[in-house]
Amino acid sequence: MKERIEFAPVDLQGSGQMVIRRSYTGKDKVFGVTVAYKVGYLPEFTPSKVLLISLADGMATLFPSKEALCNYLNTDGHGFRPMTATEIRDILGKQGNRFPR
């Protein structure tokens, strides 16, 4: 059984961190794209609002705080975990930039 990660606001040290659902096994890179997300922010708010941005289509979900984002990550049915460097390379390589060649 995979250990469940519990995120705390201190874990979110900056935008650009990437997380993935624990349901990803590493085998199907196309599926991996659909369950991978990047943490972002909206700086025009004080304090800044936090975003969870899908790597598949760029859909962003807005959270009022790091605490709210952590609550979402921790209560998801599948759970989330940080992406490894290999997963980032493989999944972003599979997704590409989606511009026509």
Protein backbone atom coordinates (compact mmCIF):
# COMPACT_ATOMS: atom_id res chain seq x y z
CA MET A 1 0.00 0.00 0.00
CA LYS A 2 1.32 3.43 -0.95
CA GLU A 3 1.95 5.86 1.87
CA ARG A 4 -0.39 8.83 1.74
CA ILE A 5 1.30 12.23 1.66
CA GLU A 6 -0.14 14.94 3.90
CA PHE A 7 0.66 18.40 2.59
CA ALA A 8 1.12 21.38 4.90
CA PRO A 9 1.38 25.05 3.85
CA VAL A 10 5.11 24.99 4.67
CA ASP A 11 5.53 22.37 1.90
CA LEU A 12 4.37 24.88 -0.71
CA GLN A 13 7.55 26.92 -0.88
CA GLY A 14 6.81 28.59 -4.17
CA SER A 15 4.86 28.47 -7.35
CA GLY A 16 5.89 26.02 -9.98
CA GLN A 17 5.90 22.96 -7.75
CA MET A 18 4.22 19.97 -9.40
CA VAL A 19 1.97 17.33 -7.89
CA ILE A 20 0.33 14.24 -9.29
CA ARG A 21 -2.49 12.00 -8.12
CA ARG A 22 -1.36 8.82 -6.40
CA SER A 23 -3.40 6.81 -8.92
CA TYR A 24 -0.59 7.39 -11.46
CA THR A 25 1.63 4.30 -11.66
CA GLY A 26 4.23 5.62 -14.09
CA LYS A 27 3.25 3.31 -16.92
CA ASP A 28 0.75 5.32 -18.99
CA LYS A 29 2.27 8.74 -19.72
CA VAL A 30 -0.88 9.96 -21.50
CA PHE A 31 -2.90 9.21 -18.33
CA GLY A 32 -0.16 10.88 -16.29
CA VAL A 33 -0.74 14.17 -18.10
CA THR A 34 -4.40 14.14 -17.02
CA VAL A 35 -3.59 13.75 -13.31
CA ALA A 36 -0.59 16.12 -13.08
CA TYR A 37 -0.84 19.70 -11.80
CA LYS A 38 1.33 22.74 -11.20
CA VAL A 39 0.93 25.15 -8.29
CA GLY A 40 0.51 28.76 -9.37
CA TYR A 41 -0.58 32.07 -7.88
CA LEU A 42 -2.37 35.33 -8.62
CA PRO A 43 -0.13 38.13 -7.33
CA GLU A 44 -2.66 40.96 -7.60
CA PHE A 45 -4.40 39.76 -4.44
CA THR A 46 -3.08 40.32 -0.92
CA PRO A 47 -2.41 37.75 0.27
CA SER A 48 -1.83 36.00 -3.05
CA LYS A 49 -4.43 33.50 -4.19
CA VAL A 50 -3.15 30.00 -5.00
CA LEU A 51 -3.95 28.03 -8.15
CA LEU A 52 -3.80 24.38 -9.08
CA ILE A 53 -3.21 24.24 -12.84
CA SER A 54 -3.82 21.12 -14.93
CA LEU A 55 -0.87 20.14 -17.12
CA ALA A 56 -3.32 18.52 -19.55
CA ASP A 57 -5.35 21.56 -20.54
CA GLY A 58 -4.31 24.49 -18.35
CA MET A 59 -7.56 24.56 -16.36
CA ALA A 60 -6.91 26.44 -13.13
CA THR A 61 -8.70 25.98 -9.83
CA LEU A 62 -8.48 28.97 -7.48
CA PHE A 63 -7.90 28.56 -3.74
CA PRO A 64 -8.00 31.45 -1.25
CA SER A 65 -4.89 30.26 0.60
CA LYS A 66 -2.16 27.64 0.82
CA GLU A 67 -4.13 26.08 3.67
CA ALA A 68 -7.18 25.63 1.43
CA LEU A 69 -5.06 24.08 -1.32
CA CYS A 70 -3.46 21.69 1.18
CA ASN A 71 -6.89 20.71 2.44
CA TYR A 72 -7.96 19.92 -1.14
CA LEU A 73 -4.81 17.87 -1.83
CA ASN A 74 -5.13 15.99 1.47
CA THR A 75 -8.83 15.14 1.19
CA ASP A 76 -8.85 14.02 -2.45
CA GLY A 77 -10.06 10.42 -2.72
CA HIS A 78 -6.91 9.26 -4.54
CA GLY A 79 -4.50 11.59 -2.79
CA PHE A 80 -1.64 13.56 -4.29
CA ARG A 81 2.12 13.41 -4.05
CA PRO A 82 5.00 15.51 -5.38
CA MET A 83 6.09 14.60 -8.92
CA THR A 84 9.57 13.18 -9.39
CA ALA A 85 12.03 14.76 -11.82
CA THR A 86 11.69 11.71 -14.08
CA GLU A 87 7.89 11.99 -14.09
CA ILE A 88 8.10 15.69 -14.95
CA ARG A 89 10.43 14.96 -17.88
CA ASP A 90 8.40 12.02 -19.18
CA ILE A 91 4.96 13.61 -18.80
CA LEU A 92 5.91 17.02 -20.19
CA GLY A 93 7.72 15.25 -23.03
CA LYS A 94 4.59 13.28 -23.83
CA GLN A 95 2.34 16.36 -23.63
CA GLY A 96 4.56 18.63 -25.70
CA ASN A 97 3.68 22.28 -26.21
CA ARG A 98 0.58 21.61 -28.37
CA PHE A 99 1.57 24.18 -31.00
CA PRO A 100 1.30 22.99 -34.61
CA ARG A 101 4.66 22.15 -36.13
